[in-house]
All heavy atoms as atom14 arrays in JSON, in Angstrom:
{
  "sequence": "SGSHRDVEDEELTRIFVMIPKSYTEEDLREKFKMYG",
  "atom14_mask": [
    [1, 1, 1, 1, 1, 1, 0, 0, 0, 0, 0, 0, 0, 0],
    [1, 1, 1, 1, 0, 0, 0, 0, 0, 0, 0, 0, 0, 0],
    [1, 1, 1, 1, 1, 1, 0, 0, 0, 0, 0, 0, 0, 0],
    [1, 1, 1, 1, 1, 1, 1, 1, 1, 1, 0, 0, 0, 0],
    [1, 1, 1, 1, 1, 1, 1, 1, 1, 1, 1, 0, 0, 0],
    [1, 1, 1, 1, 1, 1, 1, 1, 0, 0, 0, 0, 0, 0],
    [1, 1, 1, 1, 1, 1, 1, 0, 0, 0, 0, 0, 0, 0],
    [1, 1, 1, 1, 1, 1, 1, 1, 1, 0, 0, 0, 0, 0],
    [1, 1, 1, 1, 1, 1, 1, 1, 0, 0, 0, 0, 0, 0],
    [1, 1, 1, 1, 1, 1, 1, 1, 1, 0, 0, 0, 0, 0],
    [1, 1, 1, 1, 1, 1, 1, 1, 1, 0, 0, 0, 0, 0],
    [1, 1, 1, 1, 1, 1, 1, 1, 0, 0, 0, 0, 0, 0],
    [1, 1, 1, 1, 1, 1, 1, 0, 0, 0, 0, 0, 0, 0],
    [1, 1, 1, 1, 1, 1, 1, 1, 1, 1, 1, 0, 0, 0],
    [1, 1, 1, 1, 1, 1, 1, 1, 0, 0, 0, 0, 0, 0],
    [1, 1, 1, 1, 1, 1, 1, 1, 1, 1, 1, 0, 0, 0],
    [1, 1, 1, 1, 1, 1, 1, 0, 0, 0, 0, 0, 0, 0],
    [1, 1, 1, 1, 1, 1, 1, 1, 0, 0, 0, 0, 0, 0],
    [1, 1, 1, 1, 1, 1, 1, 1, 0, 0, 0, 0, 0, 0],
    [1, 1, 1, 1, 1, 1, 1, 0, 0, 0, 0, 0, 0, 0],
    [1, 1, 1, 1, 1, 1, 1, 1, 1, 0, 0, 0, 0, 0],
    [1, 1, 1, 1, 1, 1, 0, 0, 0, 0, 0, 0, 0, 0],
    [1, 1, 1, 1, 1, 1, 1, 1, 1, 1, 1, 1, 0, 0],
    [1, 1, 1, 1, 1, 1, 1, 0, 0, 0, 0, 0, 0, 0],
    [1, 1, 1, 1, 1, 1, 1, 1, 1, 0, 0, 0, 0, 0],
    [1, 1, 1, 1, 1, 1, 1, 1, 1, 0, 0, 0, 0, 0],
    [1, 1, 1, 1, 1, 1, 1, 1, 0, 0, 0, 0, 0, 0],
    [1, 1, 1, 1, 1, 1, 1, 1, 0, 0, 0, 0, 0, 0],
    [1, 1, 1, 1, 1, 1, 1, 1, 1, 1, 1, 0, 0, 0],
    [1, 1, 1, 1, 1, 1, 1, 1, 1, 0, 0, 0, 0, 0],
    [1, 1, 1, 1, 1, 1, 1, 1, 1, 0, 0, 0, 0, 0],
    [1, 1, 1, 1, 1, 1, 1, 1, 1, 1, 1, 0, 0, 0],
    [1, 1, 1, 1, 1, 1, 1, 1, 1, 0, 0, 0, 0, 0],
    [1, 1, 1, 1, 1, 1, 1, 1, 0, 0, 0, 0, 0, 0],
    [1, 1, 1, 1, 1, 1, 1, 1, 1, 1, 1, 1, 0, 0],
    [1, 1, 1, 1, 0, 0, 0, 0, 0, 0, 0, 0, 0, 0]
  ],
  "atom14_positions": [
    [[27.32, -45.88, 2.62], [27.71, -44.79, 1.74], [28.89, -44.0, 2.3], [29.54, -43.24, 1.6], [26.54, -43.84, 1.49], [26.2, -43.16, 2.68], [0.0, 0.0, 0.0], [0.0, 0.0, 0.0], [0.0, 0.0, 0.0], [0.0, 0.0, 0.0], [0.0, 0.0, 0.0], [0.0, 0.0, 0.0], [0.0, 0.0, 0.0], [0.0, 0.0, 0.0]],
    [[29.16, -44.18, 3.63], [30.3, -43.51, 4.24], [30.17, -42.0, 4.17], [29.08, -41.45, 4.26], [0.0, 0.0, 0.0], [0.0, 0.0, 0.0], [0.0, 0.0, 0.0], [0.0, 0.0, 0.0], [0.0, 0.0, 0.0], [0.0, 0.0, 0.0], [0.0, 0.0, 0.0], [0.0, 0.0, 0.0], [0.0, 0.0, 0.0], [0.0, 0.0, 0.0]],
    [[31.29, -41.32, 3.98], [31.26, -39.85, 3.97], [31.4, -39.27, 2.58], [31.43, -38.08, 2.41], [32.4, -39.32, 4.86], [33.63, -39.76, 4.36], [0.0, 0.0, 0.0], [0.0, 0.0, 0.0], [0.0, 0.0, 0.0], [0.0, 0.0, 0.0], [0.0, 0.0, 0.0], [0.0, 0.0, 0.0], [0.0, 0.0, 0.0], [0.0, 0.0, 0.0]],
    [[31.51, -40.15, 1.54], [31.72, -39.59, 0.21], [30.42, -39.01, -0.35], [29.34, -39.38, 0.05], [32.26, -40.66, -0.75], [31.27, -41.75, -1.06], [31.05, -42.82, -0.22], [30.43, -41.92, -2.11], [30.13, -43.6, -0.74], [29.73, -43.08, -1.88], [0.0, 0.0, 0.0], [0.0, 0.0, 0.0], [0.0, 0.0, 0.0], [0.0, 0.0, 0.0]],
    [[30.56, -38.07, -1.3], [29.41, -37.39, -1.88], [28.93, -38.18, -3.08], [29.51, -38.13, -4.15], [29.8, -35.97, -2.34], [30.55, -35.16, -1.32], [29.69, -34.79, -0.13], [28.57, -33.95, -0.5], [28.66, -32.63, -0.62], [29.8, -32.02, -0.45], [27.62, -31.91, -0.95], [0.0, 0.0, 0.0], [0.0, 0.0, 0.0], [0.0, 0.0, 0.0]],
    [[27.87, -38.97, -2.92], [27.37, -39.76, -4.04], [26.15, -39.1, -4.66], [25.76, -38.0, -4.29], [27.05, -41.2, -3.6], [26.08, -41.23, -2.41], [25.48, -40.18, -2.13], [25.94, -42.3, -1.8], [0.0, 0.0, 0.0], [0.0, 0.0, 0.0], [0.0, 0.0, 0.0], [0.0, 0.0, 0.0], [0.0, 0.0, 0.0], [0.0, 0.0, 0.0]],
    [[25.54, -39.79, -5.62], [24.39, -39.2, -6.33], [23.25, -38.94, -5.38], [22.58, -37.91, -5.44], [23.94, -40.13, -7.47], [22.66, -39.6, -8.1], [25.03, -40.24, -8.53], [0.0, 0.0, 0.0], [0.0, 0.0, 0.0], [0.0, 0.0, 0.0], [0.0, 0.0, 0.0], [0.0, 0.0, 0.0], [0.0, 0.0, 0.0], [0.0, 0.0, 0.0]],
    [[23.02, -39.88, -4.45], [21.92, -39.71, -3.5], [22.12, -38.46, -2.66], [21.19, -37.7, -2.4], [21.85, -40.95, -2.6], [20.69, -40.9, -1.59], [20.63, -42.14, -0.73], [21.23, -43.16, -1.12], [20.0, -42.09, 0.33], [0.0, 0.0, 0.0], [0.0, 0.0, 0.0], [0.0, 0.0, 0.0], [0.0, 0.0, 0.0], [0.0, 0.0, 0.0]],
    [[23.38, -38.21, -2.27], [23.7, -37.03, -1.48], [23.45, -35.77, -2.29], [22.93, -34.78, -1.79], [25.17, -37.11, -1.05], [25.55, -35.99, -0.1], [24.75, -35.72, 0.81], [26.62, -35.4, -0.26], [0.0, 0.0, 0.0], [0.0, 0.0, 0.0], [0.0, 0.0, 0.0], [0.0, 0.0, 0.0], [0.0, 0.0, 0.0], [0.0, 0.0, 0.0]],
    [[23.81, -35.82, -3.58], [23.6, -34.66, -4.45], [22.12, -34.31, -4.55], [21.74, -33.15, -4.55], [24.16, -34.95, -5.85], [23.97, -33.78, -6.8], [24.29, -34.14, -8.23], [25.2, -34.94, -8.46], [23.59, -33.62, -9.11], [0.0, 0.0, 0.0], [0.0, 0.0, 0.0], [0.0, 0.0, 0.0], [0.0, 0.0, 0.0], [0.0, 0.0, 0.0]],
    [[21.27, -35.34, -4.6], [19.84, -35.09, -4.72], [19.29, -34.38, -3.5], [18.25, -33.72, -3.57], [19.09, -36.43, -4.89], [19.33, -37.09, -6.23], [18.59, -38.41, -6.34], [17.99, -38.82, -5.33], [18.63, -39.02, -7.41], [0.0, 0.0, 0.0], [0.0, 0.0, 0.0], [0.0, 0.0, 0.0], [0.0, 0.0, 0.0], [0.0, 0.0, 0.0]],
    [[19.97, -34.48, -2.35], [19.45, -33.93, -1.11], [20.11, -32.62, -0.69], [19.69, -32.0, 0.27], [19.62, -34.96, 0.02], [18.93, -36.3, -0.19], [19.31, -37.26, 0.93], [17.42, -36.13, -0.25], [0.0, 0.0, 0.0], [0.0, 0.0, 0.0], [0.0, 0.0, 0.0], [0.0, 0.0, 0.0], [0.0, 0.0, 0.0], [0.0, 0.0, 0.0]],
    [[21.15, -32.19, -1.41], [21.86, -30.98, -1.0], [21.73, -29.83, -1.99], [22.1, -28.7, -1.67], [23.36, -31.26, -0.79], [23.9, -31.82, -2.0], [23.59, -32.23, 0.35], [0.0, 0.0, 0.0], [0.0, 0.0, 0.0], [0.0, 0.0, 0.0], [0.0, 0.0, 0.0], [0.0, 0.0, 0.0], [0.0, 0.0, 0.0], [0.0, 0.0, 0.0]],
    [[21.22, -30.1, -3.2], [21.14, -29.06, -4.23], [19.7, -28.61, -4.38], [18.8, -29.43, -4.58], [21.66, -29.63, -5.56], [22.33, -28.6, -6.44], [23.18, -29.29, -7.5], [22.41, -30.16, -8.36], [22.15, -29.91, -9.64], [22.58, -28.8, -10.19], [21.48, -30.78, -10.36], [0.0, 0.0, 0.0], [0.0, 0.0, 0.0], [0.0, 0.0, 0.0]],
    [[19.44, -27.3, -4.27], [18.09, -26.78, -4.44], [18.01, -25.9, -5.68], [19.01, -25.35, -6.14], [17.58, -26.03, -3.19], [18.36, -24.71, -2.98], [17.67, -26.9, -1.95], [17.78, -23.83, -1.89], [0.0, 0.0, 0.0], [0.0, 0.0, 0.0], [0.0, 0.0, 0.0], [0.0, 0.0, 0.0], [0.0, 0.0, 0.0], [0.0, 0.0, 0.0]],
    [[16.81, -25.8, -6.21], [16.53, -25.06, -7.45], [15.58, -23.93, -7.09], [14.56, -24.17, -6.42], [15.88, -26.03, -8.43], [15.8, -25.53, -9.85], [16.93, -25.34, -10.61], [14.56, -25.28, -10.43], [16.86, -24.91, -11.93], [14.47, -24.85, -11.75], [15.62, -24.67, -12.5], [0.0, 0.0, 0.0], [0.0, 0.0, 0.0], [0.0, 0.0, 0.0]],
    [[15.89, -22.71, -7.47], [15.1, -21.56, -7.04], [14.78, -20.62, -8.21], [15.52, -20.56, -9.19], [15.81, -20.76, -5.93], [15.94, -21.58, -4.67], [17.19, -20.29, -6.38], [0.0, 0.0, 0.0], [0.0, 0.0, 0.0], [0.0, 0.0, 0.0], [0.0, 0.0, 0.0], [0.0, 0.0, 0.0], [0.0, 0.0, 0.0], [0.0, 0.0, 0.0]],
    [[13.68, -19.91, -8.07], [13.28, -18.88, -9.03], [13.7, -17.53, -8.45], [13.39, -17.23, -7.3], [11.77, -18.94, -9.24], [11.25, -18.0, -10.3], [9.45, -18.15, -10.51], [9.33, -19.66, -11.45], [0.0, 0.0, 0.0], [0.0, 0.0, 0.0], [0.0, 0.0, 0.0], [0.0, 0.0, 0.0], [0.0, 0.0, 0.0], [0.0, 0.0, 0.0]],
    [[14.43, -16.75, -9.24], [15.0, -15.49, -8.74], [14.75, -14.36, -9.73], [14.51, -14.61, -10.92], [16.52, -15.63, -8.5], [17.21, -16.12, -9.79], [16.81, -16.56, -7.34], [18.72, -16.2, -9.7], [0.0, 0.0, 0.0], [0.0, 0.0, 0.0], [0.0, 0.0, 0.0], [0.0, 0.0, 0.0], [0.0, 0.0, 0.0], [0.0, 0.0, 0.0]],
    [[14.84, -13.1, -9.28], [14.77, -11.99, -10.23], [15.94, -12.07, -11.21], [17.04, -12.49, -10.84], [14.88, -10.75, -9.33], [14.42, -11.21, -7.99], [14.86, -12.65, -7.88], [0.0, 0.0, 0.0], [0.0, 0.0, 0.0], [0.0, 0.0, 0.0], [0.0, 0.0, 0.0], [0.0, 0.0, 0.0], [0.0, 0.0, 0.0], [0.0, 0.0, 0.0]],
    [[15.73, -11.65, -12.44], [16.78, -11.75, -13.45], [17.96, -10.82, -13.18], [19.03, -10.97, -13.76], [16.19, -11.46, -14.84], [15.26, -12.56, -15.33], [14.78, -12.29, -16.73], [13.89, -13.42, -17.23], [13.41, -13.21, -18.6], [0.0, 0.0, 0.0], [0.0, 0.0, 0.0], [0.0, 0.0, 0.0], [0.0, 0.0, 0.0], [0.0, 0.0, 0.0]],
    [[17.78, -9.88, -12.27], [18.86, -8.95, -11.95], [19.86, -9.57, -10.95], [20.93, -9.02, -10.73], [18.28, -7.67, -11.34], [17.53, -7.97, -10.17], [0.0, 0.0, 0.0], [0.0, 0.0, 0.0], [0.0, 0.0, 0.0], [0.0, 0.0, 0.0], [0.0, 0.0, 0.0], [0.0, 0.0, 0.0], [0.0, 0.0, 0.0], [0.0, 0.0, 0.0]],
    [[19.52, -10.7, -10.35], [20.37, -11.31, -9.33], [21.71, -11.77, -9.9], [21.76, -12.35, -10.99], [19.68, -12.52, -8.71], [18.9, -12.24, -7.45], [18.23, -11.03, -7.28], [18.83, -13.17, -6.42], [17.51, -10.77, -6.12], [18.1, -12.93, -5.27], [17.44, -11.72, -5.12], [16.72, -11.47, -3.98], [0.0, 0.0, 0.0], [0.0, 0.0, 0.0]],
    [[22.77, -11.54, -9.14], [24.08, -12.13, -9.44], [24.26, -13.34, -8.53], [23.47, -13.57, -7.61], [25.21, -11.12, -9.15], [25.21, -10.83, -7.74], [25.01, -9.84, -9.94], [0.0, 0.0, 0.0], [0.0, 0.0, 0.0], [0.0, 0.0, 0.0], [0.0, 0.0, 0.0], [0.0, 0.0, 0.0], [0.0, 0.0, 0.0], [0.0, 0.0, 0.0]],
    [[25.32, -14.12, -8.78], [25.59, -15.28, -7.91], [25.85, -14.83, -6.48], [25.51, -15.52, -5.53], [26.77, -16.08, -8.47], [26.43, -16.81, -9.76], [27.57, -17.65, -10.3], [28.63, -17.7, -9.64], [27.4, -18.25, -11.38], [0.0, 0.0, 0.0], [0.0, 0.0, 0.0], [0.0, 0.0, 0.0], [0.0, 0.0, 0.0], [0.0, 0.0, 0.0]],
    [[26.45, -13.66, -6.33], [26.71, -13.12, -4.99], [25.41, -12.77, -4.29], [25.25, -13.01, -3.08], [27.62, -11.89, -5.09], [28.18, -11.43, -3.74], [28.92, -12.53, -3.0], [29.7, -13.29, -3.62], [28.71, -12.63, -1.77], [0.0, 0.0, 0.0], [0.0, 0.0, 0.0], [0.0, 0.0, 0.0], [0.0, 0.0, 0.0], [0.0, 0.0, 0.0]],
    [[24.44, -12.21, -5.03], [23.13, -11.92, -4.46], [22.47, -13.21, -3.98], [21.86, -13.26, -2.9], [22.22, -11.24, -5.49], [22.7, -9.86, -5.88], [23.31, -9.18, -5.01], [22.48, -9.45, -7.03], [0.0, 0.0, 0.0], [0.0, 0.0, 0.0], [0.0, 0.0, 0.0], [0.0, 0.0, 0.0], [0.0, 0.0, 0.0], [0.0, 0.0, 0.0]],
    [[22.56, -14.24, -4.81], [21.95, -15.53, -4.5], [22.58, -16.13, -3.24], [21.87, -16.61, -2.34], [22.12, -16.48, -5.68], [21.41, -17.83, -5.62], [19.92, -17.67, -5.4], [21.67, -18.61, -6.91], [0.0, 0.0, 0.0], [0.0, 0.0, 0.0], [0.0, 0.0, 0.0], [0.0, 0.0, 0.0], [0.0, 0.0, 0.0], [0.0, 0.0, 0.0]],
    [[23.9, -16.06, -3.16], [24.61, -16.59, -1.99], [24.21, -15.81, -0.72], [23.99, -16.4, 0.34], [26.12, -16.49, -2.2], [26.95, -17.04, -1.05], [28.44, -16.89, -1.35], [28.85, -17.76, -2.43], [29.24, -19.02, -2.25], [29.27, -19.55, -1.04], [29.63, -19.74, -3.29], [0.0, 0.0, 0.0], [0.0, 0.0, 0.0], [0.0, 0.0, 0.0]],
    [[24.09, -14.5, -0.87], [23.75, -13.65, 0.27], [22.37, -14.0, 0.82], [22.16, -14.0, 2.04], [23.79, -12.18, -0.18], [23.72, -11.17, 0.95], [24.94, -11.22, 1.87], [26.04, -11.59, 1.42], [24.76, -10.89, 3.07], [0.0, 0.0, 0.0], [0.0, 0.0, 0.0], [0.0, 0.0, 0.0], [0.0, 0.0, 0.0], [0.0, 0.0, 0.0]],
    [[21.42, -14.3, -0.07], [20.05, -14.62, 0.34], [19.95, -15.97, 1.04], [19.08, -16.17, 1.89], [19.12, -14.62, -0.88], [18.77, -13.24, -1.4], [17.83, -12.51, -0.44], [17.4, -11.17, -1.02], [16.53, -10.44, -0.06], [0.0, 0.0, 0.0], [0.0, 0.0, 0.0], [0.0, 0.0, 0.0], [0.0, 0.0, 0.0], [0.0, 0.0, 0.0]],
    [[20.81, -16.92, 0.66], [20.65, -18.29, 1.15], [21.73, -18.76, 2.13], [21.64, -19.87, 2.65], [20.56, -19.26, -0.04], [19.22, -19.24, -0.72], [18.96, -18.32, -1.73], [18.21, -20.1, -0.33], [17.71, -18.28, -2.35], [16.97, -20.06, -0.94], [16.71, -19.15, -1.95], [0.0, 0.0, 0.0], [0.0, 0.0, 0.0], [0.0, 0.0, 0.0]],
    [[22.73, -17.91, 2.41], [23.8, -18.35, 3.31], [23.33, -18.48, 4.75], [23.98, -19.19, 5.55], [24.98, -17.38, 3.22], [24.72, -16.0, 3.81], [25.95, -15.11, 3.68], [25.73, -13.75, 4.32], [26.92, -12.88, 4.19], [0.0, 0.0, 0.0], [0.0, 0.0, 0.0], [0.0, 0.0, 0.0], [0.0, 0.0, 0.0], [0.0, 0.0, 0.0]],
    [[22.21, -17.85, 5.11], [21.73, -17.94, 6.49], [21.24, -19.34, 6.86], [21.09, -19.66, 8.04], [20.6, -16.92, 6.7], [19.32, -17.24, 5.96], [18.02, -16.0, 6.24], [18.64, -14.65, 5.25], [0.0, 0.0, 0.0], [0.0, 0.0, 0.0], [0.0, 0.0, 0.0], [0.0, 0.0, 0.0], [0.0, 0.0, 0.0], [0.0, 0.0, 0.0]],
    [[20.99, -20.18, 5.86], [20.44, -21.51, 6.14], [21.52, -22.59, 6.27], [21.21, -23.71, 6.66], [19.45, -21.91, 5.05], [18.39, -20.86, 4.83], [18.32, -20.16, 3.63], [17.49, -20.53, 5.84], [17.36, -19.17, 3.43], [16.54, -19.53, 5.65], [16.49, -18.86, 4.44], [15.55, -17.88, 4.25], [0.0, 0.0, 0.0], [0.0, 0.0, 0.0]],
    [[22.77, -22.26, 5.94], [23.83, -23.25, 6.08], [25.03, -22.93, 5.22], [25.1, -21.89, 4.55], [0.0, 0.0, 0.0], [0.0, 0.0, 0.0], [0.0, 0.0, 0.0], [0.0, 0.0, 0.0], [0.0, 0.0, 0.0], [0.0, 0.0, 0.0], [0.0, 0.0, 0.0], [0.0, 0.0, 0.0], [0.0, 0.0, 0.0], [0.0, 0.0, 0.0]]
  ]
}
């Protein structure tokens, strides 16, 4: 697969989360940036 981003890679790098409806994308980034 080399270094390119294929479908298999996408399945392992994208997560789905439940958040308060008041959250902005910046809030979401702030909460999860500590992990990578």
